[in-house]
Structure formats: C-alpha cells, structure tokens
Protein backbone atom coordinates (compact mmCIF):
# COMPACT_ATOMS: atom_id res chain seq x y z
CA MET A 1 49.52 -48.42 34.00
CA ALA A 2 49.66 -45.37 31.84
CA ARG A 3 49.30 -41.91 33.60
CA ASN A 4 48.51 -38.46 32.16
CA SER A 5 51.44 -36.30 32.45
CA PRO A 6 51.05 -32.76 33.76
CA SER A 7 51.52 -31.47 30.25
CA SER A 8 48.66 -33.56 28.93
CA LYS A 9 46.40 -32.09 31.67
CA ARG A 10 47.37 -28.71 30.66
CA ARG A 11 46.53 -29.45 27.06
CA SER A 12 43.08 -30.95 27.88
CA ALA A 13 42.02 -27.78 29.85
CA PRO A 14 41.60 -25.56 26.84
CA TYR A 15 39.58 -28.30 25.07
CA ARG A 16 37.08 -28.48 27.95
CA ILE A 17 36.76 -24.55 27.98
CA LEU A 18 36.22 -24.68 24.26
CA GLY A 19 33.59 -27.42 24.61
CA LEU A 20 31.71 -25.46 27.30
CA LEU A 21 31.93 -22.31 25.19
CA LEU A 22 30.47 -24.16 22.21
CA ILE A 23 27.58 -25.55 24.42
CA ALA A 24 26.80 -22.09 25.76
CA ILE A 25 26.79 -20.61 22.24
CA SER A 26 24.38 -23.42 21.14
CA VAL A 27 22.04 -22.72 24.03
CA VAL A 28 22.05 -19.04 23.40
CA GLY A 29 21.57 -19.56 19.61
CA LEU A 30 18.53 -21.85 20.35
CA MET A 31 17.15 -19.34 22.79
CA SER A 32 17.61 -16.53 20.33
CA ILE A 33 15.74 -18.52 17.65
CA ALA A 34 12.95 -19.26 20.04
CA PHE A 35 12.54 -15.53 20.77
CA VAL A 36 12.47 -14.55 17.13
CA ILE A 37 10.37 -17.22 15.44
CA PRO A 38 6.64 -16.66 15.28
CA MET A 39 4.59 -18.11 18.12
CA PRO A 40 0.87 -19.27 17.65
CA TYR A 41 -0.46 -17.21 20.48
CA VAL A 42 -2.41 -14.03 20.94
CA ILE A 43 -1.76 -11.46 23.62
CA GLU A 44 -4.87 -9.66 25.11
CA SER A 45 -4.02 -6.45 26.88
CA PRO A 46 -6.06 -3.42 28.17
CA GLY A 47 -6.95 -0.98 25.38
CA PRO A 48 -8.12 2.47 25.26
CA THR A 49 -11.58 3.64 26.55
CA PHE A 50 -13.96 6.11 24.76
CA ASN A 51 -16.75 8.17 26.34
CA VAL A 52 -19.80 7.66 24.17
CA LEU A 53 -21.26 10.86 25.55
CA GLY A 54 -18.35 12.92 24.40
CA LYS A 55 -16.08 13.46 21.44
CA VAL A 56 -13.22 11.47 19.77
CA ASP A 57 -10.99 13.21 17.36
CA ASN A 58 -13.22 16.32 17.53
CA HIS A 59 -16.24 14.30 16.47
CA GLN A 60 -19.21 13.61 18.75
CA VAL A 61 -19.47 9.69 19.07
CA ILE A 62 -23.29 9.82 19.15
CA THR A 63 -25.40 12.43 17.24
CA ILE A 64 -29.16 12.36 17.22
CA LYS A 65 -31.60 14.25 14.91
CA LYS A 66 -35.29 14.23 14.53
CA ALA A 67 -35.64 14.06 18.22
CA LYS A 68 -35.16 16.25 21.25
CA THR A 69 -31.81 15.77 23.09
CA TYR A 70 -30.56 16.82 26.50
CA PRO A 71 -27.12 17.64 27.88
CA ALA A 72 -25.15 14.80 29.31
CA GLU A 73 -22.41 15.19 31.97
CA GLY A 74 -20.16 12.45 33.30
CA SER A 75 -18.89 9.52 31.29
CA LEU A 76 -20.29 6.27 29.81
CA ARG A 77 -17.12 4.51 28.66
CA MET A 78 -16.97 1.73 26.06
CA VAL A 79 -13.79 -0.22 26.58
CA THR A 80 -11.45 -2.25 24.09
CA VAL A 81 -8.93 -4.93 24.24
CA SER A 82 -5.68 -4.58 22.38
CA LEU A 83 -4.77 -7.79 20.42
CA ARG A 84 -1.28 -8.77 19.31
CA GLY A 85 -0.74 -11.90 17.25
CA GLY A 86 -3.08 -13.81 15.14
CA PRO A 87 -3.30 -14.16 11.35
CA GLU A 88 -0.36 -12.59 9.47
CA SER A 89 0.71 -10.94 12.64
CA HIS A 90 2.49 -13.49 14.79
CA ILE A 91 4.30 -12.57 18.05
CA SER A 92 7.81 -13.55 19.02
CA GLY A 93 8.84 -15.54 21.96
CA ILE A 94 10.34 -12.46 23.78
CA GLU A 95 7.02 -10.64 23.31
CA LEU A 96 5.22 -13.71 24.87
CA LEU A 97 7.54 -13.77 27.75
CA VAL A 98 7.18 -10.04 28.53
CA ALA A 99 3.34 -10.22 28.28
CA ALA A 100 3.20 -13.19 30.59
CA LEU A 101 4.92 -11.09 33.23
CA ASP A 102 2.14 -8.56 33.25
CA LYS A 103 -0.87 -9.81 35.18
CA ARG A 104 -3.18 -7.55 33.27
CA ASN A 105 -2.63 -9.45 30.07
CA GLU A 106 -3.96 -12.81 28.96
CA VAL A 107 -2.04 -15.09 26.55
CA LEU A 108 -4.37 -17.45 24.53
CA PRO A 109 -3.62 -20.06 21.75
CA GLU A 110 -4.22 -18.46 18.39
CA GLU A 111 -6.92 -21.12 17.56
CA GLN A 112 -8.90 -20.07 20.61
CA VAL A 113 -9.42 -16.52 19.25
CA TYR A 114 -9.43 -16.82 15.48
CA PRO A 115 -10.94 -19.52 13.18
CA LYS A 116 -8.25 -21.67 11.42
CA GLY A 117 -7.35 -20.32 8.04
CA ILE A 118 -8.93 -16.84 8.52
CA THR A 119 -6.96 -13.94 6.92
CA ARG A 120 -6.28 -10.60 8.48
CA GLU A 121 -8.62 -8.96 5.97
CA GLU A 122 -11.44 -11.38 6.93
CA VAL A 123 -10.81 -10.53 10.60
CA THR A 124 -11.14 -6.78 9.86
CA GLU A 125 -14.27 -7.38 7.78
CA ARG A 126 -15.88 -9.51 10.49
CA SER A 127 -15.01 -6.96 13.13
CA ASN A 128 -16.49 -4.11 11.23
CA SER A 129 -19.56 -6.10 10.54
CA GLN A 130 -20.05 -6.89 14.13
CA MET A 131 -19.68 -3.13 15.10
CA THR A 132 -22.22 -2.19 12.52
CA SER A 133 -24.65 -4.81 13.89
CA ALA A 134 -23.93 -3.60 17.60
CA GLN A 135 -24.76 -0.03 16.63
CA GLN A 136 -27.90 -0.91 14.93
CA ASN A 137 -29.11 -3.13 17.75
CA ALA A 138 -28.28 -0.38 20.28
CA GLU A 139 -30.35 2.12 18.39
CA VAL A 140 -33.34 -0.17 18.21
CA ALA A 141 -33.02 -1.34 21.80
CA ALA A 142 -32.60 2.27 23.15
CA LEU A 143 -35.75 3.40 21.22
CA ALA A 144 -37.76 0.38 22.34
CA GLU A 145 -36.76 1.11 25.98
CA GLN A 146 -38.52 4.45 25.47
CA GLY A 147 -41.50 2.89 23.91
CA ILE A 148 -40.67 3.82 20.39
CA GLU A 149 -41.11 0.89 17.87
CA VAL A 150 -38.89 0.72 14.78
CA PRO A 151 -40.82 -0.31 11.59
CA GLY A 152 -38.94 -2.64 9.15
CA THR A 153 -38.71 -5.83 7.20
CA GLN A 154 -36.42 -8.90 7.98
CA THR A 155 -35.10 -11.20 5.28
CA ILE A 156 -33.53 -14.59 5.84
CA SER A 157 -29.77 -14.37 5.03
CA GLY A 158 -28.66 -17.84 6.29
CA PHE A 159 -29.09 -20.73 8.70
CA VAL A 160 -27.28 -21.75 11.81
CA ASP A 161 -25.62 -25.27 11.88
CA ASP A 162 -28.12 -28.10 12.24
CA SER A 163 -31.16 -25.74 11.91
CA PRO A 164 -34.34 -27.68 11.74
CA ASN A 165 -35.90 -25.18 9.40
CA ILE A 166 -33.40 -25.27 6.53
CA ASP A 167 -35.83 -27.22 4.36
CA ALA A 168 -38.88 -25.27 5.11
CA LEU A 169 -37.29 -21.78 4.57
CA GLN A 170 -35.16 -20.30 2.01
CA VAL A 171 -32.43 -17.54 1.90
CA GLY A 172 -34.22 -14.41 0.73
CA ASP A 173 -37.58 -15.21 2.46
CA GLN A 174 -39.12 -12.05 4.09
CA LEU A 175 -40.90 -12.57 7.38
CA VAL A 176 -44.56 -11.64 7.25
CA SER A 177 -46.38 -13.14 10.21
CA ILE A 178 -46.16 -15.86 12.77
CA LYS A 179 -49.00 -17.83 14.34
CA HIS A 180 -48.88 -19.48 17.72
CA GLY A 181 -52.03 -21.05 18.90
CA ASP A 182 -54.96 -18.84 17.80
CA GLU A 183 -52.88 -15.65 17.67
CA THR A 184 -51.25 -14.27 14.43
CA ILE A 185 -48.59 -11.62 14.91
CA GLN A 186 -47.44 -9.28 12.12
CA LEU A 187 -43.66 -9.22 11.91
CA ASP A 188 -43.29 -5.67 10.64
CA THR A 189 -41.13 -4.17 13.36
CA ALA A 190 -37.57 -4.76 14.31
CA THR A 191 -38.37 -6.45 17.57
CA ALA A 192 -41.67 -8.32 16.76
CA ILE A 193 -40.27 -11.71 16.00
CA PHE A 194 -37.97 -11.74 18.99
CA GLN A 195 -40.66 -10.56 21.30
CA VAL A 196 -42.73 -13.63 20.19
CA LEU A 197 -40.10 -16.15 20.48
CA ARG A 198 -38.81 -15.15 23.89
CA GLN A 199 -42.26 -16.41 25.11
CA ILE A 200 -42.11 -19.65 23.34
CA PRO A 201 -40.15 -22.68 24.48
CA ALA A 202 -37.70 -24.55 22.42
CA GLY A 203 -39.21 -27.43 20.37
CA SER A 204 -42.43 -25.63 19.64
CA THR A 205 -44.13 -25.81 16.22
CA LEU A 206 -45.30 -22.58 14.64
CA GLU A 207 -46.83 -21.29 11.40
CA LEU A 208 -44.60 -18.77 9.80
CA THR A 209 -45.72 -16.85 6.75
CA VAL A 210 -43.06 -15.52 4.40
CA LEU A 211 -42.92 -13.59 1.22
CA ARG A 212 -40.94 -15.76 -1.30
CA SER A 213 -40.47 -14.45 -5.01
CA GLY A 214 -43.48 -12.11 -4.60
CA THR A 215 -45.80 -14.78 -3.17
CA GLU A 216 -46.76 -15.37 0.42
CA LYS A 217 -46.20 -18.84 1.77
CA THR A 218 -47.06 -20.37 5.00
CA VAL A 219 -44.71 -23.21 6.34
CA LYS A 220 -44.37 -24.93 9.73
CA VAL A 221 -41.22 -24.25 11.61
CA THR A 222 -39.62 -25.63 14.85
CA THR A 223 -38.09 -23.41 17.42
CA VAL A 224 -34.61 -24.12 18.93
CA ALA A 225 -33.03 -23.27 22.25
CA ASN A 226 -31.88 -19.73 22.81
CA GLN A 227 -28.46 -19.99 24.48
CA GLU A 228 -28.22 -16.33 25.40
CA GLY A 229 -31.69 -15.42 26.54
CA ALA A 230 -35.20 -16.52 27.33
CA GLY A 231 -37.47 -18.42 25.07
CA SER A 232 -36.28 -19.78 21.72
CA LEU A 233 -35.10 -18.99 18.14
CA LEU A 234 -35.66 -20.20 14.68
CA GLY A 235 -32.01 -21.04 13.75
CA ILE A 236 -31.74 -18.46 11.02
CA TYR A 237 -29.80 -15.31 10.33
CA LEU A 238 -31.79 -12.15 9.50
CA ASN A 239 -30.95 -9.09 7.53
CA MET A 240 -32.90 -6.22 8.82
CA ARG A 241 -34.16 -3.09 6.74
CA LEU A 242 -35.29 -0.62 9.14
CA GLN A 243 -37.14 2.77 8.91
CA MET A 244 -35.63 4.59 11.82
CA PRO A 245 -38.02 7.14 13.26
CA VAL A 246 -34.97 8.99 14.72
CA ASP A 247 -31.81 9.68 13.00
CA ILE A 248 -29.04 8.31 15.11
CA ASN A 249 -25.40 8.28 14.07
CA ILE A 250 -22.63 6.56 15.90
CA SER A 251 -19.10 7.54 14.76
CA LEU A 252 -16.11 5.73 16.10
CA GLU A 253 -13.20 4.84 13.73
CA ASP A 254 -10.75 2.04 13.95
CA VAL A 255 -12.76 0.16 16.68
CA GLY A 256 -14.67 -3.11 15.84
CA GLY A 257 -16.45 -5.95 17.39
CA PRO A 258 -19.89 -6.40 19.09
CA SER A 259 -18.99 -5.56 22.76
CA ALA A 260 -19.81 -1.84 22.77
CA GLY A 261 -23.52 -2.43 22.22
CA MET A 262 -24.82 -1.93 25.78
CA MET A 263 -22.75 1.24 26.29
CA PHE A 264 -23.95 2.67 22.91
CA ALA A 265 -27.62 1.99 24.00
CA LEU A 266 -27.08 3.75 27.44
CA GLY A 267 -25.45 6.69 25.73
CA ILE A 268 -28.48 7.06 23.38
CA LEU A 269 -30.84 6.87 26.39
CA ASP A 270 -28.89 9.41 28.27
CA LEU A 271 -29.05 11.84 25.37
CA MET A 272 -32.76 11.39 24.64
CA THR A 273 -34.17 11.59 28.16
CA PRO A 274 -34.39 14.63 30.41
CA GLY A 275 -31.83 15.15 33.16
CA ASP A 276 -28.36 13.52 33.35
CA LEU A 277 -28.40 9.79 33.53
CA THR A 278 -25.02 9.36 34.98
CA GLY A 279 -25.18 12.26 37.60
CA GLY A 280 -21.62 13.19 36.62
CA ALA A 281 -20.25 9.77 37.51
CA ASP A 282 -17.48 7.98 35.52
CA ILE A 283 -19.07 4.58 34.40
CA ALA A 284 -17.51 2.09 32.11
CA GLY A 285 -19.01 -1.18 30.79
CA THR A 286 -19.07 -3.82 28.04
CA GLY A 287 -21.60 -6.22 26.55
CA THR A 288 -23.40 -7.19 23.37
CA ILE A 289 -26.95 -5.94 22.89
CA SER A 290 -29.91 -7.46 21.24
CA VAL A 291 -32.75 -5.52 19.66
CA THR A 292 -34.86 -6.47 22.59
CA GLY A 293 -32.24 -5.34 25.05
CA GLU A 294 -30.61 -8.48 26.34
CA VAL A 295 -26.96 -7.92 27.28
CA GLY A 296 -24.66 -10.71 26.18
CA ALA A 297 -21.24 -12.01 27.24
CA ILE A 298 -17.92 -10.91 25.65
CA SER A 299 -14.33 -11.81 25.72
CA GLY A 300 -11.28 -9.98 27.36
CA VAL A 301 -13.49 -8.63 30.22
CA VAL A 302 -10.58 -8.57 32.82
CA GLN A 303 -8.41 -6.61 30.46
CA LYS A 304 -11.32 -4.21 29.76
CA ILE A 305 -11.77 -3.65 33.55
CA HIS A 306 -8.02 -2.82 33.92
CA GLY A 307 -8.30 -0.39 31.01
CA ALA A 308 -11.33 1.26 32.56
CA ALA A 309 -9.91 1.68 35.90
CA GLY A 310 -6.69 3.09 34.32
CA ASP A 311 -8.82 5.83 32.56
CA GLY A 312 -10.63 6.82 35.85
CA ALA A 313 -13.77 4.88 35.88
CA ASP A 314 -15.29 4.18 39.28
CA PHE A 315 -17.84 1.59 38.17
CA PHE A 316 -17.85 -1.20 35.58
CA LEU A 317 -20.99 -2.84 34.16
CA ILE A 318 -20.44 -6.40 32.80
CA PRO A 319 -22.78 -9.00 31.39
CA GLN A 320 -24.13 -11.33 33.95
CA ASP A 321 -22.73 -14.27 32.05
CA ASN A 322 -19.29 -12.93 32.46
CA CYS A 323 -19.30 -13.31 36.24
CA ARG A 324 -17.37 -16.57 36.05
CA GLN A 325 -14.33 -14.71 34.60
CA MET A 326 -14.26 -12.71 37.91
CA ARG A 327 -13.43 -15.63 40.08
CA GLY A 328 -9.89 -15.41 41.19
CA ALA A 329 -9.09 -12.58 38.96
CA LYS A 330 -6.65 -9.83 40.09
CA LEU A 331 -8.84 -6.71 39.52
CA PRO A 332 -8.06 -3.04 40.12
CA ASP A 333 -9.93 -0.88 42.64
CA ILE A 334 -13.31 -0.56 40.65
CA ARG A 335 -16.80 -1.64 41.54
CA VAL A 336 -17.85 -4.39 39.10
CA VAL A 337 -21.73 -4.70 38.61
CA PRO A 338 -23.30 -7.47 36.57
CA VAL A 339 -26.39 -6.83 34.35
CA ARG A 340 -28.72 -9.01 32.31
CA ASP A 341 -30.46 -6.44 30.08
CA LEU A 342 -30.62 -2.80 29.12
CA ARG A 343 -33.38 -1.97 31.52
CA GLN A 344 -31.44 -3.25 34.55
CA ALA A 345 -28.26 -1.41 33.25
CA ARG A 346 -30.25 1.86 33.11
CA ASP A 347 -31.56 1.37 36.62
CA ILE A 348 -28.15 0.65 37.91
CA VAL A 349 -26.72 3.86 36.26
CA THR A 350 -29.53 5.81 37.90
CA LYS A 351 -28.74 4.43 41.35
CA ILE A 352 -25.13 5.34 40.84
CA SER A 353 -26.31 8.88 39.74
CA ASN A 354 -28.50 9.09 42.97
CA GLY A 355 -25.79 7.68 45.24
CA LYS A 356 -27.84 4.66 46.08
CA THR A 357 -25.23 1.92 45.41
CA GLY A 358 -25.74 -0.21 48.42
CA GLY A 359 -28.08 -2.74 46.99
CA MET A 360 -26.55 -3.15 43.54
CA PRO A 361 -25.93 -6.71 42.39
CA SER A 362 -22.45 -8.31 42.42
CA CYS A 363 -20.91 -11.50 40.94
CA PRO A 364 -21.03 -14.48 43.31
CA ALA A 365 -17.90 -15.35 45.06
CA ARG A 366 -18.08 -18.81 43.90
C-alpha cells in the first residue's frame, strides 16, 4: 500500500491554502458584484415637511387675494416621502441592505411603485400633474366648505377602463345638465356633477346633456361604483375650466404628487377664516382631496409619520382608509388621527386648538 511521505503532505498544504484563498476571492467578488449591480427595488424613506401656513425659500406657500385673510399661527405640515430607485435610477445591493436595516424605511419591488416601461421624465410629468390637480381640488373644496361655489365648465378628457359610457359619450363633450327622475340639475359649477352622483347608487341610468361640436345632445349614461367615496361615478375623466372667485396661489417647488391636497385645503381655510384654526399647535397630515372634500388614501404613510415626528409635529391626520397600514407599524411618539373628509379634518384641528382631544377618532387596533 502506498503512503504519502511527510514531504508530500508539506507540498499539499500550500495547494489547500491556495484553493481556500481562490474560493474566498470568488465569494468576495460575487458579493461585490451583487452590491454594485442595479437592483429592481425602490426605497421609501421619510422626507422633509413643509408648513403650508408659512414660507419656503422666502416664498409664502399659500397666498390669497380678492378675499379677506387672517393671521395664522402654529403649523399645518404637508409631508413627503423620499424615493430612491425606479426608472433610470436603480439602487445597488449595498443601498438596499443599509435601507433594510432602518425600520423607518420600506423597500418595495419597483413594479409595485412604477408602471412597467415608464421613463423618469414621464414620472416627473405625472407627479407634477397630480400636484396641480391636488392644488385645484384643495382650492375648490376649501371654498365649498365656506359656502363659496366655483363656477366653471367640465369637459370629458378620457374614459376609465371598462367604462359603460364609452359609446354614448365622446372626448371633448362638455357637461351641461343631468336628469335623475323628474329633476334636472345644471352642471355649471366645479362640484355640481359630484354632488349629484354621490347620492346615486352604482348601476343607475341617467340622462346626461352634453355640448358636442356646438350642439346640445342628450344621452343615457350608466353610473359605476365609486371606490373612494359615497354614491357613484360615470367612468370618465374630466378637464375643469374654473372661474375662481378668489385668487389663490400655492407655491411649492420640487414637490409633486396628490397627497398634500387635504393640508392645502386646511391651510386655505385657516387663512380665510377669523381666528387661528390650529391654536398654535404643530399638526401634520396627508391625504388626497376631491372637489367635494373627500379625503383619499395615499402611499408611504408610515414614512410620512416618521418625517412629521422628526420635524416636531404632535398630531398627524391620515386618511381613514390608511388605518390598515397602522397595524403592527413601529411608529414614533405622535398621535395619529384618521379622517374621512375635509369637514371632519377641520373639526379635529379645532378640537386640538381648544385642547379637547379626548374624543378624537383613532385607527382600530385590528
């Protein structure tokens, strides 16, 4: 039987060390590649907050003309989320690892945040468009809350998927009036069509009169379910041309999206009504706003709460439909209050101002 000599054992040791070294180098190399190559994820982190009653970069966020305004103390903070990753801006594996270690962050698959194939330019355009719409809705809702109607016209700009009215209506049709039962309602204000539809169940048949190529035409339309509020909708997108009775300007650069709508509306209300709505309190919040004042759910709510707490807010108003994100979330020391519409949000801010916070709503534990 052959036996290895002591000299052959001594010769094999360097080979084993060399093999282990090569394996270690390979592992390190693979890990390095994994940390450098782009990863298809998006990191949501707490972003900055902005007091809509104050100034940003020496510019007042909300300015109002053609109406009496009143001094406002305290803070009504709109909040933001910082996004890393996405179209043309992928993150690395090391960034992903570091972000995952911070419980304030959320890591999401890219396709869950952005539509497939969308470009960075398209993301910016969409975000800016949403901000413009949020500002317009906030202005209309805040004025309506004070009993001020906004005259205007609404023109069909498109249809939602599977709209039952795509054959009856056309892009470019201007809404004139709607008939339900024996009542005909003129659609000559920003809120008229929505006020009618919020009282009508989905699946109802209505007579809608539109102005098409200069001629009025009456067609039968069917309502569809409103997933974000009471009543129903028509399954159409509208372009509004409004005649604002009050000159309101909201100026905030480099911030997009629809989620500041509620806080803009509260800020307008505070500035246009006597007294100080906040009572000097530091209140933050988030939520979309419709022209009729419904507050809608948003994304990144946990990160926004962390951002608000970090900037000193004591209360945070969230859309009622975001309560499910609160379950099990690790939140900072801040009181979270759900709201369903602008009127309730205003009432809650008034309670905070008066120190009557005992009976305010909260998200259910389960």
